Every structure is written in structure tokens, then in C-alpha cells.
Amino acid sequence: MNIRFRLATPEDSRFIASMIDLSSDGIATIEWQEECDEVSGKTALDVGSEWYAREQGDYSYVNCLIAEADRPVGMILSFPITQENYSEDGKPPPYAADDVFAPYKYLEALNSWYICGVAVIPEYRKQGVGKKLIEHSMDLANKRGYSNASLIAVYAKKRLIAYYQSLGFKITRKAPIVEHPGIRVTGEVVLMETHPQDPTLLV
């Protein structure tokens, strides 16, 4: 398998958006739908593509790494969570029925290197591509001075949870998913960290 890893470019923005929709189980698309334009026919994926074509902000191609064979086959989006982009309004449950983003704000880990999304197209899964993307991201985190990496995962996806645990991530916090027609999962989401500041871990 001949896979190379490279920094993303603006031309990758639509692929990135499609992978973010996949990895977020639809939560990202809910945000994009707020900017859809029925008159012009702009879709949620169009909006997501525009987001990731930008050079500024967390949700930008500049924070993405691409795995490529004869075409892009995987992607990871990661960036640090600092006081500048930390959700100060993140609160523990319970949550209002219309506050679908509340669990994700609550599960942010301040001063961590956040793996916001990682996805591989189906025919290239179980070949180590996702692991390599995460390793590249963790190397970048170390170079940037971040010892703690974090991510948010769906607790019901036990194989995925076990996979992240095999890479050194530990469950440190959980929150219920606010059900919504656009979110493809239910149950709970969990924060997983490599070097959590809070030594009290959930099991």
C-alpha cells in the first residue's frame, strides 16, 4: 500500500468537509445548514467546503493533514485548545432539547491538542492509515509543546473506544448526546485524553 501524507491545500476543502461530516456523525452538518441558501441552491456540504477553504480559524485546511494514494483517502483535523478558542459556556448536563452542541463544549479539554476529526474512506480502513494520521498529529503536538492530546468519541462505538485506548487515550469525562434528526448516533459522548490533568478517570 503506497500512502503518502501531506499538508492539506484549499483544493482539499470539499474532501475535508465530507470526512468531517463522516467523523462527526452529522453534528458538523447541523452547523453548516444554518448557512445554506435555498435561492442559490447552496448545500450544507458547500458551506462546509467554504469553511475549510479558509486560511484562518480552527476549521481550516491549514489544520488538516491528508493521507493520499491515487486520490485523498483519509484526513485528520487537529489544533490546540487554548483560552482563545475554549468554550467558556461549556456546562455539565442536563441540557436543553435544542442545545445539540452543549455536550461537545462541555467535553473540551483546555490546553490540550484536540483531534477534532479523523476519517478514512471505507476501502482504506483497517490498513493503519488512521493510526498514521493520529501519529503525525501527535508528533506535531509534541513539536508545539502539547503533552496532552484529546478527542471526543461516541461511547457506544466500543471498538473505536478500544482502538483509541490502544493508542494511549483514557476516558476522562462523559455527557449525553442531545438527540436531533441530523445526528446519526445516540447515547453518550466521552472525552478521551492521553495525559489528563484530572487523575480521576471514568471507567
Protein backbone atom coordinates (compact mmCIF):
# COMPACT_ATOMS: atom_id res chain seq x y z
CA MET A 1 0.00 0.00 0.00
CA ASN A 2 1.61 3.24 -1.17
CA ILE A 3 0.20 6.02 1.03
CA ARG A 4 1.79 9.42 1.41
CA PHE A 5 0.90 12.03 3.98
CA ARG A 6 0.88 15.72 3.17
CA LEU A 7 -0.43 19.04 4.39
CA ALA A 8 -3.87 19.92 3.06
CA THR A 9 -4.44 22.62 0.46
CA PRO A 10 -7.54 24.71 -0.35
CA GLU A 11 -8.29 22.25 -3.16
CA ASP A 12 -8.88 19.56 -0.49
CA SER A 13 -11.65 21.54 1.21
CA ARG A 14 -14.61 19.54 -0.15
CA PHE A 15 -12.97 16.23 0.69
CA ILE A 16 -12.20 17.54 4.19
CA ALA A 17 -15.80 18.66 4.70
CA SER A 18 -17.14 15.26 3.61
CA MET A 19 -14.76 13.50 6.02
CA ILE A 20 -15.71 15.85 8.86
CA ASP A 21 -19.38 15.06 8.28
CA LEU A 22 -18.49 11.38 8.45
CA SER A 23 -16.38 11.61 11.61
CA SER A 24 -18.80 13.92 13.43
CA ASP A 25 -21.85 11.69 12.78
CA GLY A 26 -23.68 14.68 11.32
CA ILE A 27 -23.07 17.24 14.08
CA ALA A 28 -20.91 19.43 11.81
CA THR A 29 -23.55 19.42 9.09
CA ILE A 30 -26.10 20.87 11.50
CA GLU A 31 -23.86 23.93 11.85
CA TRP A 32 -23.37 24.22 8.10
CA GLN A 33 -27.09 24.02 7.43
CA GLU A 34 -27.56 27.33 9.20
CA GLU A 35 -25.73 28.99 6.29
CA CYS A 36 -27.47 27.14 3.46
CA ASP A 37 -29.08 29.29 0.78
CA GLU A 38 -32.20 27.89 -0.89
CA VAL A 39 -32.18 30.61 -3.54
CA SER A 40 -28.68 29.81 -4.77
CA GLY A 41 -29.00 26.11 -4.02
CA LYS A 42 -26.02 26.13 -1.66
CA THR A 43 -25.94 22.88 0.31
CA ALA A 44 -24.54 22.11 3.75
CA LEU A 45 -21.56 20.41 2.10
CA ASP A 46 -20.99 23.55 0.01
CA VAL A 47 -20.88 25.59 3.22
CA GLY A 48 -18.53 23.11 4.88
CA SER A 49 -16.25 23.26 1.86
CA GLU A 50 -16.17 27.06 2.10
CA TRP A 51 -15.28 26.82 5.79
CA TYR A 52 -12.31 24.55 5.13
CA ALA A 53 -11.09 26.61 2.17
CA ARG A 54 -10.40 29.47 4.60
CA GLU A 55 -6.87 30.20 5.80
CA GLN A 56 -7.94 31.44 9.23
CA GLY A 57 -9.66 29.78 12.18
CA ASP A 58 -9.65 26.30 13.68
CA TYR A 59 -11.88 24.86 10.95
CA SER A 60 -9.46 25.47 8.11
CA TYR A 61 -7.45 23.34 5.72
CA VAL A 62 -4.27 24.66 7.38
CA ASN A 63 -5.05 22.45 10.39
CA CYS A 64 -5.56 19.32 8.29
CA LEU A 65 -3.32 16.51 7.14
CA ILE A 66 -4.25 14.37 4.13
CA ALA A 67 -3.50 10.69 3.50
CA GLU A 68 -3.27 10.13 -0.23
CA ALA A 69 -2.93 7.18 -2.61
CA ASP A 70 -4.05 7.88 -6.18
CA ARG A 71 -6.51 10.27 -4.53
CA PRO A 72 -7.17 11.54 -0.97
CA VAL A 73 -8.19 8.58 1.19
CA GLY A 74 -8.06 9.97 4.73
CA MET A 75 -7.87 13.15 6.75
CA ILE A 76 -7.22 14.45 10.24
CA LEU A 77 -8.14 17.86 11.66
CA SER A 78 -6.34 18.89 14.83
CA PHE A 79 -5.46 22.08 16.67
CA PRO A 80 -4.74 23.29 20.22
CA ILE A 81 -7.50 24.30 22.62
CA THR A 82 -6.34 27.42 24.43
CA GLN A 83 -8.04 30.24 26.31
CA GLU A 84 -8.67 31.91 22.94
CA ASN A 85 -10.88 29.18 21.48
CA TYR A 86 -12.06 27.41 24.65
CA SER A 87 -15.84 27.32 25.15
CA GLU A 88 -16.35 29.29 28.34
CA ASP A 89 -20.06 28.41 28.30
CA GLY A 90 -19.45 24.67 28.45
CA LYS A 91 -21.58 23.21 31.25
CA PRO A 92 -22.30 19.72 32.62
CA PRO A 93 -25.65 18.06 31.83
CA PRO A 94 -28.61 18.14 31.77
CA TYR A 95 -29.04 20.02 28.50
CA ALA A 96 -31.96 21.70 26.77
CA ALA A 97 -33.51 19.67 23.95
CA ASP A 98 -32.40 22.22 21.33
CA ASP A 99 -28.80 22.66 22.55
CA VAL A 100 -27.15 19.98 20.39
CA PHE A 101 -23.65 21.45 20.74
CA ALA A 102 -23.67 21.60 24.56
CA PRO A 103 -22.06 18.18 25.20
CA TYR A 104 -19.15 18.97 22.90
CA LYS A 105 -18.47 22.31 24.56
CA TYR A 106 -18.50 20.65 27.97
CA LEU A 107 -16.04 17.97 26.86
CA GLU A 108 -13.34 20.35 25.62
CA ALA A 109 -10.00 19.87 27.39
CA LEU A 110 -8.24 23.19 27.93
CA ASN A 111 -4.55 23.32 26.97
CA SER A 112 -4.73 20.09 25.02
CA TRP A 113 -4.00 19.17 21.42
CA TYR A 114 -7.50 18.45 20.10
CA ILE A 115 -8.03 15.81 17.43
CA CYS A 116 -11.29 17.25 16.14
CA GLY A 117 -11.88 14.74 13.39
CA VAL A 118 -10.17 11.80 11.72
CA ALA A 119 -11.68 9.68 8.96
CA VAL A 120 -10.62 7.23 6.27
CA ILE A 121 -12.67 6.18 3.24
CA PRO A 122 -14.11 2.63 3.59
CA GLU A 123 -11.80 0.81 1.17
CA TYR A 124 -8.69 2.02 3.01
CA ARG A 125 -9.79 1.24 6.55
CA LYS A 126 -8.08 -1.38 8.75
CA GLN A 127 -4.78 -0.72 6.96
CA GLY A 128 -3.17 1.57 9.54
CA VAL A 129 -4.00 4.82 7.76
CA GLY A 130 -5.96 6.30 10.67
CA LYS A 131 -3.21 5.34 13.12
CA LYS A 132 -0.57 7.02 10.96
CA LEU A 133 -2.68 10.18 10.72
CA ILE A 134 -3.01 10.28 14.51
CA GLU A 135 0.72 9.64 14.96
CA HIS A 136 1.56 12.52 12.62
CA SER A 137 -0.83 14.77 14.55
CA MET A 138 0.69 13.73 17.89
CA ASP A 139 4.19 14.46 16.56
CA LEU A 140 3.01 17.95 15.64
CA ALA A 141 1.50 18.34 19.12
CA ASN A 142 4.83 17.47 20.73
CA LYS A 143 6.65 19.94 18.49
CA ARG A 144 4.15 22.61 19.53
CA GLY A 145 4.70 21.80 23.22
CA TYR A 146 1.44 19.95 23.99
CA SER A 147 1.85 16.79 26.07
CA ASN A 148 -1.89 16.13 26.41
CA ALA A 149 -3.92 15.16 23.33
CA SER A 150 -7.70 14.94 23.45
CA LEU A 151 -10.61 13.79 21.33
CA ILE A 152 -14.35 13.19 21.67
CA ALA A 153 -15.80 9.79 20.80
CA VAL A 154 -19.19 8.08 20.84
CA TYR A 155 -19.25 5.73 23.82
CA ALA A 156 -21.45 3.14 22.09
CA LYS A 157 -18.75 2.59 19.45
CA LYS A 158 -16.87 0.13 21.65
CA ARG A 159 -14.36 -0.99 19.02
CA LEU A 160 -13.43 2.62 18.30
CA ILE A 161 -13.10 3.37 22.03
CA ALA A 162 -10.84 0.33 22.43
CA TYR A 163 -8.79 1.47 19.43
CA TYR A 164 -8.20 4.91 20.96
CA GLN A 165 -7.33 3.28 24.27
CA SER A 166 -4.71 1.19 22.50
CA LEU A 167 -3.15 4.46 21.34
CA GLY A 168 -2.91 5.75 24.92
CA PHE A 169 -6.17 7.69 25.28
CA LYS A 170 -8.17 7.41 28.51
CA ILE A 171 -11.81 8.28 29.15
CA THR A 172 -11.98 11.25 31.50
CA ARG A 173 -15.47 12.69 31.14
CA LYS A 174 -18.81 11.89 29.52
CA ALA A 175 -22.02 13.64 28.53
CA PRO A 176 -25.33 12.62 26.94
CA ILE A 177 -25.87 13.28 23.25
CA VAL A 178 -28.74 15.69 22.62
CA GLU A 179 -30.90 13.82 20.12
CA HIS A 180 -31.53 15.51 16.79
CA PRO A 181 -32.72 14.18 13.38
CA GLY A 182 -29.39 15.20 11.86
CA ILE A 183 -27.23 13.37 14.40
CA ARG A 184 -26.69 9.75 13.44
CA VAL A 185 -25.87 8.43 16.92
CA THR A 186 -27.47 8.39 20.37
CA GLY A 187 -26.31 7.65 23.89
CA GLU A 188 -23.21 9.34 25.27
CA VAL A 189 -20.06 11.01 24.03
CA VAL A 190 -16.83 10.80 26.01
CA LEU A 191 -13.73 12.94 26.31
CA MET A 192 -10.54 10.90 25.91
CA GLU A 193 -7.10 12.25 26.82
CA THR A 194 -3.53 10.97 26.75
CA HIS A 195 -2.23 12.88 29.77
CA PRO A 196 -5.27 14.27 31.62
CA GLN A 197 -4.81 16.92 34.26
CA ASP A 198 -7.59 15.32 36.31
CA PRO A 199 -6.31 11.97 37.67
CA THR A 200 -9.85 10.75 38.39
CA LEU A 201 -10.83 8.75 35.32
CA LEU A 202 -14.18 7.26 34.34
CA VAL A 203 -14.20 3.56 33.52
